Amino acid sequence: MTPPPKAPRYVLLPLTEVLGDIAALAELGADGIEAATAALDDLAHGRLIGKELGDRNVSGDLTGLARVKFDVAGQRPQRFRLIYRQVDASTREIVAIGVRDERAIYRLAVTRLRPRAGPETLA
């Protein structure tokens, strides 16, 4: 008899835009979605630890974020990036998933975390 699967170590909370990121991976084929799903599962179970990012000249301030590289099995170099931040001891927020392509994924993460201006109030 096989033991039941272990519960994930971390709760993953994706930003709403991340669903669109995953849909965009579908355009690259089912293998891309499968690789992203595996990377998310590894991140949730603590089998992957991302590299801490910082302030970058090209993409902006990524302090507090980490990135995980992944791709379909056997593909090198790894084309995809998953950007997340550790919210607390048991929660990781997924900020962006996509192709590295000229560091666009990093700029996208910065944009998604930039404070959004609310409606102006009249005095």
PDB file of N, CA and C in Angstrom:
ATOM      1  N   MET A   1       0.846  -1.177   0.000  1.00  0.00           N
ATOM      2  CA  MET A   1       0.000   0.000   0.000  1.00  0.00           C
ATOM      3  C   MET A   1       0.894   1.243   0.000  1.00  0.00           C
ATOM      4  N   THR A   2       0.562   2.206  -0.828  1.00  0.00           N
ATOM      5  CA  THR A   2       1.347   3.446  -0.903  1.00  0.00           C
ATOM      6  C   THR A   2       0.867   4.442   0.137  1.00  0.00           C
ATOM      7  N   PRO A   3       1.823   5.139   0.760  1.00  0.00           N
ATOM      8  CA  PRO A   3       1.424   6.144   1.751  1.00  0.00           C
ATOM      9  C   PRO A   3       0.742   7.320   1.054  1.00  0.00           C
ATOM     10  N   PRO A   4      -0.142   8.012   1.771  1.00  0.00           N
ATOM     11  CA  PRO A   4      -0.805   9.172   1.161  1.00  0.00           C
ATOM     12  C   PRO A   4       0.230  10.254   0.845  1.00  0.00           C
ATOM     13  N   PRO A   5      -0.021  11.056  -0.198  1.00  0.00           N
ATOM     14  CA  PRO A   5       0.933  12.113  -0.540  1.00  0.00           C
ATOM     15  C   PRO A   5       1.054  13.127   0.600  1.00  0.00           C
ATOM     16  N   LYS A   6       2.254  13.676   0.736  1.00  0.00           N
ATOM     17  CA  LYS A   6       2.493  14.685   1.772  1.00  0.00           C
ATOM     18  C   LYS A   6       1.754  15.972   1.430  1.00  0.00           C
ATOM     19  N   ALA A   7       1.264  16.619   2.465  1.00  0.00           N
ATOM     20  CA  ALA A   7       0.614  17.914   2.273  1.00  0.00           C
ATOM     21  C   ALA A   7       1.678  18.948   1.913  1.00  0.00           C
ATOM     22  N   PRO A   8       1.321  19.921   1.087  1.00  0.00           N
ATOM     23  CA  PRO A   8       2.291  20.970   0.735  1.00  0.00           C
ATOM     24  C   PRO A   8       2.755  21.734   1.972  1.00  0.00           C
ATOM     25  N   ARG A   9       3.999  22.138   1.937  1.00  0.00           N
ATOM     26  CA  ARG A   9       4.583  22.913   3.037  1.00  0.00           C
ATOM     27  C   ARG A   9       4.126  24.368   2.987  1.00  0.00           C
ATOM     28  N   TYR A  10       3.890  24.870   1.777  1.00  0.00           N
ATOM     29  CA  TYR A  10       3.507  26.268   1.576  1.00  0.00           C
ATOM     30  C   TYR A  10       2.169  26.356   0.849  1.00  0.00           C
ATOM     31  N   VAL A  11       1.398  27.365   1.199  1.00  0.00           N
ATOM     32  CA  VAL A  11       0.196  27.719   0.454  1.00  0.00           C
ATOM     33  C   VAL A  11       0.652  28.683  -0.632  1.00  0.00           C
ATOM     34  N   LEU A  12       0.247  28.428  -1.874  1.00  0.00           N
ATOM     35  CA  LEU A  12       0.597  29.318  -2.974  1.00  0.00           C
ATOM     36  C   LEU A  12      -0.605  30.197  -3.295  1.00  0.00           C
ATOM     37  N   LEU A  13      -0.379  31.507  -3.290  1.00  0.00           N
ATOM     38  CA  LEU A  13      -1.428  32.466  -3.613  1.00  0.00           C
ATOM     39  C   LEU A  13      -1.030  33.213  -4.883  1.00  0.00           C
ATOM     40  N   PRO A  14      -1.624  32.879  -6.026  1.00  0.00           N
ATOM     41  CA  PRO A  14      -1.267  33.591  -7.245  1.00  0.00           C
ATOM     42  C   PRO A  14      -2.004  34.932  -7.352  1.00  0.00           C
ATOM     43  N   LEU A  15      -1.310  35.930  -7.878  1.00  0.00           N
ATOM     44  CA  LEU A  15      -2.007  37.156  -8.257  1.00  0.00           C
ATOM     45  C   LEU A  15      -2.995  36.778  -9.359  1.00  0.00           C
ATOM     46  N   THR A  16      -4.073  37.529  -9.518  1.00  0.00           N
ATOM     47  CA  THR A  16      -5.086  37.164 -10.518  1.00  0.00           C
ATOM     48  C   THR A  16      -4.512  37.113 -11.933  1.00  0.00           C
ATOM     49  N   GLU A  17      -3.519  37.933 -12.221  1.00  0.00           N
ATOM     50  CA  GLU A  17      -2.932  37.968 -13.559  1.00  0.00           C
ATOM     51  C   GLU A  17      -2.161  36.683 -13.897  1.00  0.00           C
ATOM     52  N   VAL A  18      -1.785  35.921 -12.893  1.00  0.00           N
ATOM     53  CA  VAL A  18      -0.995  34.706 -13.117  1.00  0.00           C
ATOM     54  C   VAL A  18      -1.790  33.670 -13.919  1.00  0.00           C
ATOM     55  N   LEU A  19      -3.117  33.666 -13.789  1.00  0.00           N
ATOM     56  CA  LEU A  19      -3.928  32.741 -14.578  1.00  0.00           C
ATOM     57  C   LEU A  19      -3.741  33.017 -16.072  1.00  0.00           C
ATOM     58  N   GLY A  20      -3.625  34.284 -16.431  1.00  0.00           N
ATOM     59  CA  GLY A  20      -3.345  34.648 -17.820  1.00  0.00           C
ATOM     60  C   GLY A  20      -1.954  34.211 -18.247  1.00  0.00           C
ATOM     61  N   ASP A  21      -1.010  34.269 -17.314  1.00  0.00           N
ATOM     62  CA  ASP A  21       0.356  33.807 -17.611  1.00  0.00           C
ATOM     63  C   ASP A  21       0.348  32.331 -17.984  1.00  0.00           C
ATOM     64  N   ILE A  22      -0.396  31.551 -17.221  1.00  0.00           N
ATOM     65  CA  ILE A  22      -0.455  30.110 -17.473  1.00  0.00           C
ATOM     66  C   ILE A  22      -1.163  29.838 -18.791  1.00  0.00           C
ATOM     67  N   ALA A  23      -2.218  30.594 -19.081  1.00  0.00           N
ATOM     68  CA  ALA A  23      -2.914  30.436 -20.361  1.00  0.00           C
ATOM     69  C   ALA A  23      -1.966  30.751 -21.523  1.00  0.00           C
ATOM     70  N   ALA A  24      -1.094  31.749 -21.351  1.00  0.00           N
ATOM     71  CA  ALA A  24      -0.130  32.094 -22.394  1.00  0.00           C
ATOM     72  C   ALA A  24       0.862  30.960 -22.622  1.00  0.00           C
ATOM     73  N   LEU A  25       1.200  30.224 -21.571  1.00  0.00           N
ATOM     74  CA  LEU A  25       2.092  29.073 -21.728  1.00  0.00           C
ATOM     75  C   LEU A  25       1.445  27.985 -22.586  1.00  0.00           C
ATOM     76  N   ALA A  26       0.123  27.920 -22.584  1.00  0.00           N
ATOM     77  CA  ALA A  26      -0.584  26.914 -23.378  1.00  0.00           C
ATOM     78  C   ALA A  26      -0.302  27.105 -24.865  1.00  0.00           C
ATOM     79  N   GLU A  27      -0.054  28.342 -25.277  1.00  0.00           N
ATOM     80  CA  GLU A  27       0.255  28.619 -26.676  1.00  0.00           C
ATOM     81  C   GLU A  27       1.575  27.978 -27.090  1.00  0.00           C
ATOM     82  N   LEU A  28       2.440  27.696 -26.120  1.00  0.00           N
ATOM     83  CA  LEU A  28       3.722  27.057 -26.404  1.00  0.00           C
ATOM     84  C   LEU A  28       3.620  25.533 -26.362  1.00  0.00           C
ATOM     85  N   GLY A  29       2.433  25.037 -26.040  1.00  0.00           N
ATOM     86  CA  GLY A  29       2.217  23.594 -25.996  1.00  0.00           C
ATOM     87  C   GLY A  29       1.920  23.099 -24.597  1.00  0.00           C
ATOM     88  N   ALA A  30       1.370  21.915 -24.534  1.00  0.00           N
ATOM     89  CA  ALA A  30       0.995  21.311 -23.248  1.00  0.00           C
ATOM     90  C   ALA A  30       2.209  21.082 -22.363  1.00  0.00           C
ATOM     91  N   ASP A  31       3.371  20.882 -22.966  1.00  0.00           N
ATOM     92  CA  ASP A  31       4.583  20.646 -22.177  1.00  0.00           C
ATOM     93  C   ASP A  31       4.916  21.846 -21.294  1.00  0.00           C
ATOM     94  N   GLY A  32       4.647  23.045 -21.782  1.00  0.00           N
ATOM     95  CA  GLY A  32       4.915  24.259 -20.994  1.00  0.00           C
ATOM     96  C   GLY A  32       4.044  24.321 -19.757  1.00  0.00           C
ATOM     97  N   ILE A  33       2.770  23.989 -19.904  1.00  0.00           N
ATOM     98  CA  ILE A  33       1.859  23.996 -18.759  1.00  0.00           C
ATOM     99  C   ILE A  33       2.249  22.895 -17.776  1.00  0.00           C
ATOM    100  N   GLU A  34       2.613  21.750 -18.296  1.00  0.00           N
ATOM    101  CA  GLU A  34       3.034  20.643 -17.428  1.00  0.00           C
ATOM    102  C   GLU A  34       4.285  21.033 -16.630  1.00  0.00           C
ATOM    103  N   ALA A  35       5.228  21.705 -17.281  1.00  0.00           N
ATOM    104  CA  ALA A  35       6.452  22.141 -16.594  1.00  0.00           C
ATOM    105  C   ALA A  35       6.125  23.181 -15.524  1.00  0.00           C
ATOM    106  N   ALA A  36       5.214  24.123 -15.835  1.00  0.00           N
ATOM    107  CA  ALA A  36       4.820  25.147 -14.860  1.00  0.00           C
ATOM    108  C   ALA A  36       4.124  24.507 -13.663  1.00  0.00           C
ATOM    109  N   THR A  37       3.257  23.543 -13.928  1.00  0.00           N
ATOM    110  CA  THR A  37       2.546  22.841 -12.853  1.00  0.00           C
ATOM    111  C   THR A  37       3.530  22.108 -11.946  1.00  0.00           C
ATOM    112  N   ALA A  38       4.523  21.463 -12.562  1.00  0.00           N
ATOM    113  CA  ALA A  38       5.542  20.751 -11.774  1.00  0.00           C
ATOM    114  C   ALA A  38       6.357  21.732 -10.932  1.00  0.00           C
ATOM    115  N   ALA A  39       6.703  22.896 -11.515  1.00  0.00           N
ATOM    116  CA  ALA A  39       7.473  23.898 -10.767  1.00  0.00           C
ATOM    117  C   ALA A  39       6.648  24.439  -9.594  1.00  0.00           C
ATOM    118  N   LEU A  40       5.364  24.685  -9.821  1.00  0.00           N
ATOM    119  CA  LEU A  40       4.493  25.161  -8.738  1.00  0.00           C
ATOM    120  C   LEU A  40       4.364  24.111  -7.640  1.00  0.00           C
ATOM    121  N   ASP A  41       4.240  22.846  -8.018  1.00  0.00           N
ATOM    122  CA  ASP A  41       4.145  21.774  -7.036  1.00  0.00           C
ATOM    123  C   ASP A  41       5.436  21.679  -6.219  1.00  0.00           C
ATOM    124  N   ASP A  42       6.576  21.766  -6.903  1.00  0.00           N
ATOM    125  CA  ASP A  42       7.864  21.726  -6.200  1.00  0.00           C
ATOM    126  C   ASP A  42       8.012  22.918  -5.253  1.00  0.00           C
ATOM    127  N   LEU A  43       7.548  24.085  -5.682  1.00  0.00           N
ATOM    128  CA  LEU A  43       7.616  25.286  -4.842  1.00  0.00           C
ATOM    129  C   LEU A  43       6.710  25.125  -3.613  1.00  0.00           C
ATOM    130  N   ALA A  44       5.524  24.571  -3.804  1.00  0.00           N
ATOM    131  CA  ALA A  44       4.581  24.378  -2.696  1.00  0.00           C
ATOM    132  C   ALA A  44       5.108  23.374  -1.671  1.00  0.00           C
ATOM    133  N   HIS A  45       5.807  22.350  -2.138  1.00  0.00           N
ATOM    134  CA  HIS A  45       6.324  21.320  -1.244  1.00  0.00           C
ATOM    135  C   HIS A  45       7.713  21.645  -0.693  1.00  0.00           C
ATOM    136  N   GLY A  46       8.280  22.760  -1.089  1.00  0.00           N
ATOM    137  CA  GLY A  46       9.588  23.156  -0.577  1.00  0.00           C
ATOM    138  C   GLY A  46      10.750  22.452  -1.246  1.00  0.00           C
ATOM    139  N   ARG A  47      10.498  21.795  -2.373  1.00  0.00           N
ATOM    140  CA  ARG A  47      11.585  21.128  -3.102  1.00  0.00           C
ATOM    141  C   ARG A  47      12.378  22.110  -3.948  1.00  0.00           C
ATOM    142  N   LEU A  48      11.804  23.274  -4.209  1.00  0.00           N
ATOM    143  CA  LEU A  48      12.487  24.349  -4.933  1.00  0.00           C
ATOM    144  C   LEU A  48      12.587  25.569  -4.039  1.00  0.00           C
ATOM    145  N   ILE A  49      13.729  26.187  -4.060  1.00  0.00           N
ATOM    146  CA  ILE A  49      13.920  27.455  -3.366  1.00  0.00           C
ATOM    147  C   ILE A  49      14.453  28.412  -4.412  1.00  0.00           C
ATOM    148  N   GLY A  50      13.780  29.510  -4.591  1.00  0.00           N
ATOM    149  CA  GLY A  50      14.177  30.459  -5.613  1.00  0.00           C
ATOM    150  C   GLY A  50      15.385  31.280  -5.213  1.00  0.00           C
ATOM    151  N   LYS A  51      16.009  31.857  -6.223  1.00  0.00           N
ATOM    152  CA  LYS A  51      17.130  32.757  -6.007  1.00  0.00           C
ATOM    153  C   LYS A  51      16.575  34.147  -5.692  1.00  0.00           C
ATOM    154  N   GLU A  52      17.067  34.721  -4.603  1.00  0.00           N
ATOM    155  CA  GLU A  52      16.622  36.060  -4.210  1.00  0.00           C
ATOM    156  C   GLU A  52      17.034  37.070  -5.276  1.00  0.00           C
ATOM    157  N   LEU A  53      16.124  37.975  -5.574  1.00  0.00           N
ATOM    158  CA  LEU A  53      16.392  39.034  -6.540  1.00  0.00           C
ATOM    159  C   LEU A  53      16.572  40.344  -5.783  1.00  0.00           C
ATOM    160  N   GLY A  54      17.090  41.327  -6.418  1.00  0.00           N
ATOM    161  CA  GLY A  54      17.293  42.629  -5.779  1.00  0.00           C
ATOM    162  C   GLY A  54      16.978  43.741  -6.757  1.00  0.00           C
ATOM    163  N   ASP A  55      17.586  44.874  -6.550  1.00  0.00           N
ATOM    164  CA  ASP A  55      17.379  46.019  -7.429  1.00  0.00           C
ATOM    165  C   ASP A  55      18.202  45.807  -8.693  1.00  0.00           C
ATOM    166  N   ARG A  56      17.556  45.865  -9.841  1.00  0.00           N
ATOM    167  CA  ARG A  56      18.217  45.637 -11.125  1.00  0.00           C
ATOM    168  C   ARG A  56      18.089  46.876 -11.996  1.00  0.00           C
ATOM    169  N   ASN A  57      19.165  47.227 -12.675  1.00  0.00           N
ATOM    170  CA  ASN A  57      19.125  48.384 -13.570  1.00  0.00           C
ATOM    171  C   ASN A  57      18.133  48.193 -14.705  1.00  0.00           C
ATOM    172  N   VAL A  58      18.081  47.000 -15.253  1.00  0.00           N
ATOM    173  CA  VAL A  58      17.262  46.756 -16.435  1.00  0.00           C
ATOM    174  C   VAL A  58      15.784  46.601 -16.106  1.00  0.00           C
ATOM    175  N   SER A  59      15.470  45.902 -15.016  1.00  0.00           N
ATOM    176  CA  SER A  59      14.070  45.576 -14.755  1.00  0.00           C
ATOM    177  C   SER A  59      13.440  46.318 -13.589  1.00  0.00           C
ATOM    178  N   GLY A  60      14.215  46.883 -12.709  1.00  0.00           N
ATOM    179  CA  GLY A  60      13.652  47.602 -11.579  1.00  0.00           C
ATOM    180  C   GLY A  60      13.928  46.914 -10.257  1.00  0.00           C
ATOM    181  N   ASP A  61      13.278  47.390  -9.219  1.00  0.00           N
ATOM    182  CA  ASP A  61      13.513  46.884  -7.870  1.00  0.00           C
ATOM    183  C   ASP A  61      12.719  45.602  -7.631  1.00  0.00           C
ATOM    184  N   LEU A  62      13.423  44.500  -7.516  1.00  0.00           N
ATOM    185  CA  LEU A  62      12.829  43.195  -7.270  1.00  0.00           C
ATOM    186  C   LEU A  62      13.155  42.696  -5.859  1.00  0.00           C
ATOM    187  N   THR A  63      13.514  43.613  -4.978  1.00  0.00           N
ATOM    188  CA  THR A  63      13.836  43.257  -3.606  1.00  0.00           C
ATOM    189  C   THR A  63      12.626  42.580  -2.957  1.00  0.00           C
ATOM    190  N   GLY A  64      12.879  41.477  -2.289  1.00  0.00           N
ATOM    191  CA  GLY A  64      11.808  40.738  -1.635  1.00  0.00           C
ATOM    192  C   GLY A  64      11.205  39.656  -2.515  1.00  0.00           C
ATOM    193  N   LEU A  65      11.640  39.593  -3.771  1.00  0.00           N
ATOM    194  CA  LEU A  65      11.145  38.580  -4.693  1.00  0.00           C
ATOM    195  C   LEU A  65      12.222  37.533  -4.950  1.00  0.00           C
ATOM    196  N   ALA A  66      11.795  36.389  -5.396  1.00  0.00           N
ATOM    197  CA  ALA A  66      12.718  35.313  -5.764  1.00  0.00           C
ATOM    198  C   ALA A  66      12.246  34.729  -7.084  1.00  0.00           C
ATOM    199  N   ARG A  67      13.183  34.084  -7.784  1.00  0.00           N
ATOM    200  CA  ARG A  67      12.832  33.480  -9.064  1.00  0.00           C
ATOM    201  C   ARG A  67      13.252  32.017  -9.094  1.00  0.00           C
ATOM    202  N   VAL A  68      12.458  31.248  -9.814  1.00  0.00           N
ATOM    203  CA  VAL A  68      12.746  29.843 -10.059  1.00  0.00           C
ATOM    204  C   VAL A  68      12.815  29.674 -11.570  1.00  0.00           C
ATOM    205  N   LYS A  69      13.864  29.002 -12.046  1.00  0.00           N
ATOM    206  CA  LYS A  69      13.981  28.680 -13.466  1.00  0.00           C
ATOM    207  C   LYS A  69      13.373  27.303 -13.681  1.00  0.00           C
ATOM    208  N   PHE A  70      12.682  27.136 -14.817  1.00  0.00           N
ATOM    209  CA  PHE A  70      12.165  25.809 -15.144  1.00  0.00           C
ATOM    210  C   PHE A  70      11.946  25.697 -16.646  1.00  0.00           C
ATOM    211  N   ASP A  71      11.763  24.486 -17.100  1.00  0.00           N
ATOM    212  CA  ASP A  71      11.468  24.215 -18.504  1.00  0.00           C
ATOM    213  C   ASP A  71      10.975  22.785 -18.625  1.00  0.00           C
ATOM    214  N   VAL A  72      10.612  22.386 -19.832  1.00  0.00           N
ATOM    215  CA  VAL A  72      10.213  21.004 -20.061  1.00  0.00           C
ATOM    216  C   VAL A  72      11.436  20.121 -19.847  1.00  0.00           C
ATOM    217  N   ALA A  73      11.202  18.885 -19.505  1.00  0.00           N
ATOM    218  CA  ALA A  73      12.294  17.956 -19.191  1.00  0.00           C
ATOM    219  C   ALA A  73      13.319  17.902 -20.322  1.00  0.00           C
ATOM    220  N   GLY A  74      14.583  18.043 -19.961  1.00  0.00           N
ATOM    221  CA  GLY A  74      15.679  17.929 -20.916  1.00  0.00           C
ATOM    222  C   GLY A  74      15.981  19.174 -21.716  1.00  0.00           C
ATOM    223  N   GLN A  75      15.192  20.215 -21.575  1.00  0.00           N
ATOM    224  CA  GLN A  75      15.401  21.449 -22.344  1.00  0.00           C
ATOM    225  C   GLN A  75      16.427  22.343 -21.640  1.00  0.00           C
ATOM    226  N   ARG A  76      17.445  22.744 -22.333  1.00  0.00           N
ATOM    227  CA  ARG A  76      18.458  23.665 -21.812  1.00  0.00           C
ATOM    228  C   ARG A  76      18.756  24.714 -22.848  1.00  0.00           C
ATOM    229  N   PRO A  77      18.994  25.930 -22.514  1.00  0.00           N
ATOM    230  CA  PRO A  77      18.868  26.505 -21.175  1.00  0.00           C
ATOM    231  C   PRO A  77      17.394  26.630 -20.790  1.00  0.00           C
ATOM    232  N   GLN A  78      17.162  26.793 -19.507  1.00  0.00           N
ATOM    233  CA  GLN A  78      15.786  26.878 -19.014  1.00  0.00           C
ATOM    234  C   GLN A  78      15.166  28.206 -19.436  1.00  0.00           C
ATOM    235  N   ARG A  79      14.063  28.132 -20.173  1.00  0.00           N
ATOM    236  CA  ARG A  79      13.445  29.321 -20.774  1.00  0.00           C
ATOM    237  C   ARG A  79      12.471  30.059 -19.872  1.00  0.00           C
ATOM    238  N   PHE A  80      11.897  29.387 -18.908  1.00  0.00           N
ATOM    239  CA  PHE A  80      10.803  29.971 -18.137  1.00  0.00           C
ATOM    240  C   PHE A  80      11.247  30.422 -16.751  1.00  0.00           C
ATOM    241  N   ARG A  81      10.515  31.422 -16.230  1.00  0.00           N
ATOM    242  CA  ARG A  81      10.769  31.942 -14.891  1.00  0.00           C
ATOM    243  C   ARG A  81       9.455  32.017 -14.129  1.00  0.00           C
ATOM    244  N   LEU A  82       9.540  31.698 -12.857  1.00  0.00           N
ATOM    245  CA  LEU A  82       8.426  31.840 -11.938  1.00  0.00           C
ATOM    246  C   LEU A  82       8.909  32.819 -10.868  1.00  0.00           C
ATOM    247  N   ILE A  83       8.217  33.933 -10.719  1.00  0.00           N
ATOM    248  CA  ILE A  83       8.600  34.971  -9.757  1.00  0.00           C
ATOM    249  C   ILE A  83       7.605  34.916  -8.595  1.00  0.00           C
ATOM    250  N   TYR A  84       8.137  34.863  -7.378  1.00  0.00           N
ATOM    251  CA  TYR A  84       7.275  34.799  -6.201  1.00  0.00           C
ATOM    252  C   TYR A  84       7.893  35.584  -5.055  1.00  0.00           C
ATOM    253  N   ARG A  85       7.084  35.774  -4.019  1.00  0.00           N
ATOM    254  CA  ARG A  85       7.620  36.343  -2.777  1.00  0.00           C
ATOM    255  C   ARG A  85       7.065  35.555  -1.597  1.00  0.00           C
ATOM    256  N   GLN A  86       7.908  35.462  -0.585  1.00  0.00           N
ATOM    257  CA  GLN A  86       7.538  34.770   0.649  1.00  0.00           C
ATOM    258  C   GLN A  86       6.725  35.750   1.483  1.00  0.00           C
ATOM    259  N   VAL A  87       5.463  35.453   1.715  1.00  0.00           N
ATOM    260  CA  VAL A  87       4.578  36.340   2.470  1.00  0.00           C
ATOM    261  C   VAL A  87       4.785  36.141   3.967  1.00  0.00           C
ATOM    262  N   ASP A  88       4.783  34.890   4.384  1.00  0.00           N
ATOM    263  CA  ASP A  88       5.057  34.534   5.779  1.00  0.00           C
ATOM    264  C   ASP A  88       5.649  33.127   5.783  1.00  0.00           C
ATOM    265  N   ALA A  89       5.762  32.523   6.950  1.00  0.00           N
ATOM    266  CA  ALA A  89       6.443  31.233   7.061  1.00  0.00           C
ATOM    267  C   ALA A  89       5.767  30.122   6.262  1.00  0.00           C
ATOM    268  N   SER A  90       4.489  30.272   5.945  1.00  0.00           N
ATOM    269  CA  SER A  90       3.789  29.190   5.249  1.00  0.00           C
ATOM    270  C   SER A  90       3.093  29.618   3.958  1.00  0.00           C
ATOM    271  N   THR A  91       3.354  30.837   3.484  1.00  0.00           N
ATOM    272  CA  THR A  91       2.651  31.338   2.307  1.00  0.00           C
ATOM    273  C   THR A  91       3.619  31.961   1.308  1.00  0.00           C
ATOM    274  N   ARG A  92       3.451  31.584   0.050  1.00  0.00           N
ATOM    275  CA  ARG A  92       4.222  32.170  -1.047  1.00  0.00           C
ATOM    276  C   ARG A  92       3.243  32.745  -2.068  1.00  0.00           C
ATOM    277  N   GLU A  93       3.478  33.991  -2.444  1.00  0.00           N
ATOM    278  CA  GLU A  93       2.624  34.657  -3.423  1.00  0.00           C
ATOM    279  C   GLU A  93       3.274  34.567  -4.803  1.00  0.00           C
ATOM    280  N   ILE A  94       2.572  34.007  -5.767  1.00  0.00           N
ATOM    281  CA  ILE A  94       3.069  33.891  -7.130  1.00  0.00           C
ATOM    282  C   ILE A  94       2.753  35.193  -7.847  1.00  0.00           C
ATOM    283  N   VAL A  95       3.805  35.858  -8.347  1.00  0.00           N
ATOM    284  CA  VAL A  95       3.659  37.176  -8.964  1.00  0.00           C
ATOM    285  C   VAL A  95       3.581  37.077 -10.484  1.00  0.00           C
ATOM    286  N   ALA A  96       4.391  36.222 -11.085  1.00  0.00           N
ATOM    287  CA  ALA A  96       4.404  36.099 -12.543  1.00  0.00           C
ATOM    288  C   ALA A  96       5.035  34.766 -12.954  1.00  0.00           C
ATOM    289  N   ILE A  97       4.581  34.248 -14.088  1.00  0.00           N
ATOM    290  CA  ILE A  97       5.152  33.044 -14.684  1.00  0.00           C
ATOM    291  C   ILE A  97       5.239  33.295 -16.179  1.00  0.00           C
ATOM    292  N   GLY A  98       6.396  33.013 -16.767  1.00  0.00           N
ATOM    293  CA  GLY A  98       6.492  33.188 -18.215  1.00  0.00           C
ATOM    294  C   GLY A  98       7.885  32.996 -18.744  1.00  0.00           C
ATOM    295  N   VAL A  99       8.032  33.301 -20.020  1.00  0.00           N
ATOM    296  CA  VAL A  99       9.310  33.189 -20.706  1.00  0.00           C
ATOM    297  C   VAL A  99      10.210  34.335 -20.265  1.00  0.00           C
ATOM    298  N   ARG A 100      11.484  34.055 -20.096  1.00  0.00           N
ATOM    299  CA  ARG A 100      12.435  35.077 -19.657  1.00  0.00           C
ATOM    300  C   ARG A 100      12.531  36.198 -20.680  1.00  0.00           C
ATOM    301  N   ASP A 101      12.623  35.899 -21.944  1.00  0.00           N
ATOM    302  CA  ASP A 101      12.659  36.809 -23.081  1.00  0.00           C
ATOM    303  C   ASP A 101      13.020  38.260 -22.770  1.00  0.00           C
ATOM    304  N   GLU A 102      14.306  38.544 -22.837  1.00  0.00           N
ATOM    305  CA  GLU A 102      14.819  39.910 -22.643  1.00  0.00           C
ATOM    306  C   GLU A 102      14.422  40.500 -21.288  1.00  0.00           C
ATOM    307  N   ARG A 103      14.310  39.666 -20.292  1.00  0.00           N
ATOM    308  CA  ARG A 103      13.992  40.071 -18.917  1.00  0.00           C
ATOM    309  C   ARG A 103      12.591  40.678 -18.756  1.00  0.00           C
ATOM    310  N   ALA A 104      11.729  40.466 -19.750  1.00  0.00           N
ATOM    311  CA  ALA A 104      10.375  41.030 -19.696  1.00  0.00           C
ATOM    312  C   ALA A 104       9.603  40.510 -18.488  1.00  0.00           C
ATOM    313  N   ILE A 105       9.826  39.267 -18.096  1.00  0.00           N
ATOM    314  CA  ILE A 105       9.110  38.688 -16.959  1.00  0.00           C
ATOM    315  C   ILE A 105       9.440  39.445 -15.672  1.00  0.00           C
ATOM    316  N   TYR A 106      10.670  39.912 -15.551  1.00  0.00           N
ATOM    317  CA  TYR A 106      11.065  40.675 -14.360  1.00  0.00           C
ATOM    318  C   TYR A 106      10.404  42.055 -14.362  1.00  0.00           C
ATOM    319  N   ARG A 107      10.369  42.700 -15.517  1.00  0.00           N
ATOM    320  CA  ARG A 107       9.700  44.009 -15.614  1.00  0.00           C
ATOM    321  C   ARG A 107       8.206  43.865 -15.335  1.00  0.00           C
ATOM    322  N   LEU A 108       7.618  42.757 -15.805  1.00  0.00           N
ATOM    323  CA  LEU A 108       6.211  42.491 -15.550  1.00  0.00           C
ATOM    324  C   LEU A 108       5.948  42.350 -14.050  1.00  0.00           C
ATOM    325  N   ALA A 109       6.823  41.643 -13.354  1.00  0.00           N
ATOM    326  CA  ALA A 109       6.655  41.462 -11.903  1.00  0.00           C
ATOM    327  C   ALA A 109       6.701  42.805 -11.189  1.00  0.00           C
ATOM    328  N   VAL A 110       7.632  43.671 -11.571  1.00  0.00           N
ATOM    329  CA  VAL A 110       7.734  45.000 -10.955  1.00  0.00           C
ATOM    330  C   VAL A 110       6.450  45.779 -11.197  1.00  0.00           C
ATOM    331  N   THR A 111       5.933  45.728 -12.416  1.00  0.00           N
ATOM    332  CA  THR A 111       4.702  46.445 -12.760  1.00  0.00           C
ATOM    333  C   THR A 111       3.524  45.927 -11.941  1.00  0.00           C
ATOM    334  N   ARG A 112       3.439  44.627 -11.787  1.00  0.00           N
ATOM    335  CA  ARG A 112       2.308  44.051 -11.046  1.00  0.00           C
ATOM    336  C   ARG A 112       2.326  44.411  -9.570  1.00  0.00           C
ATOM    337  N   LEU A 113       3.487  44.671  -9.026  1.00  0.00           N
ATOM    338  CA  LEU A 113       3.574  44.987  -7.603  1.00  0.00           C
ATOM    339  C   LEU A 113       3.604  46.481  -7.318  1.00  0.00           C
ATOM    340  N   ARG A 114       3.703  47.279  -8.367  1.00  0.00           N
ATOM    341  CA  ARG A 114       3.705  48.734  -8.206  1.00  0.00           C
ATOM    342  C   ARG A 114       2.363  49.153  -7.627  1.00  0.00           C
ATOM    343  N   PRO A 115       2.366  50.012  -6.617  1.00  0.00           N
ATOM    344  CA  PRO A 115       1.092  50.463  -6.042  1.00  0.00           C
ATOM    345  C   PRO A 115       0.229  51.121  -7.119  1.00  0.00           C
ATOM    346  N   ARG A 116      -0.998  50.709  -7.137  1.00  0.00           N
ATOM    347  CA  ARG A 116      -1.928  51.275  -8.130  1.00  0.00           C
ATOM    348  C   ARG A 116      -2.557  52.539  -7.554  1.00  0.00           C
ATOM    349  N   ALA A 117      -2.631  53.551  -8.407  1.00  0.00           N
ATOM    350  CA  ALA A 117      -3.252  54.806  -7.983  1.00  0.00           C
ATOM    351  C   ALA A 117      -4.752  54.601  -7.883  1.00  0.00           C
ATOM    352  N   GLY A 118      -5.332  55.010  -6.782  1.00  0.00           N
ATOM    353  CA  GLY A 118      -6.762  54.897  -6.598  1.00  0.00           C
ATOM    354  C   GLY A 118      -7.462  56.137  -7.147  1.00  0.00           C
ATOM    355  N   PRO A 119      -8.761  56.158  -7.082  1.00  0.00           N
ATOM    356  CA  PRO A 119      -9.480  57.340  -7.553  1.00  0.00           C
ATOM    357  C   PRO A 119      -9.131  58.557  -6.694  1.00  0.00           C
ATOM    358  N   GLU A 120      -8.997  59.652  -7.356  1.00  0.00           N
ATOM    359  CA  GLU A 120      -8.648  60.882  -6.622  1.00  0.00           C
ATOM    360  C   GLU A 120      -9.835  61.332  -5.794  1.00  0.00           C
ATOM    361  N   THR A 121      -9.540  61.850  -4.624  1.00  0.00           N
ATOM    362  CA  THR A 121     -10.602  62.367  -3.782  1.00  0.00           C
ATOM    363  C   THR A 121     -10.637  63.876  -3.919  1.00  0.00           C
ATOM    364  N   LEU A 122     -11.826  64.407  -3.926  1.00  0.00           N
ATOM    365  CA  LEU A 122     -11.990  65.853  -4.026  1.00  0.00           C
ATOM    366  C   LEU A 122     -12.048  66.448  -2.634  1.00  0.00           C
ATOM    367  N   ALA A 123     -11.379  67.562  -2.457  1.00  0.00           N
ATOM    368  CA  ALA A 123     -11.361  68.197  -1.135  1.00  0.00           C
ATOM    369  C   ALA A 123     -12.530  69.100  -0.944  1.00  0.00           C
TER     370      ALA A 123
END
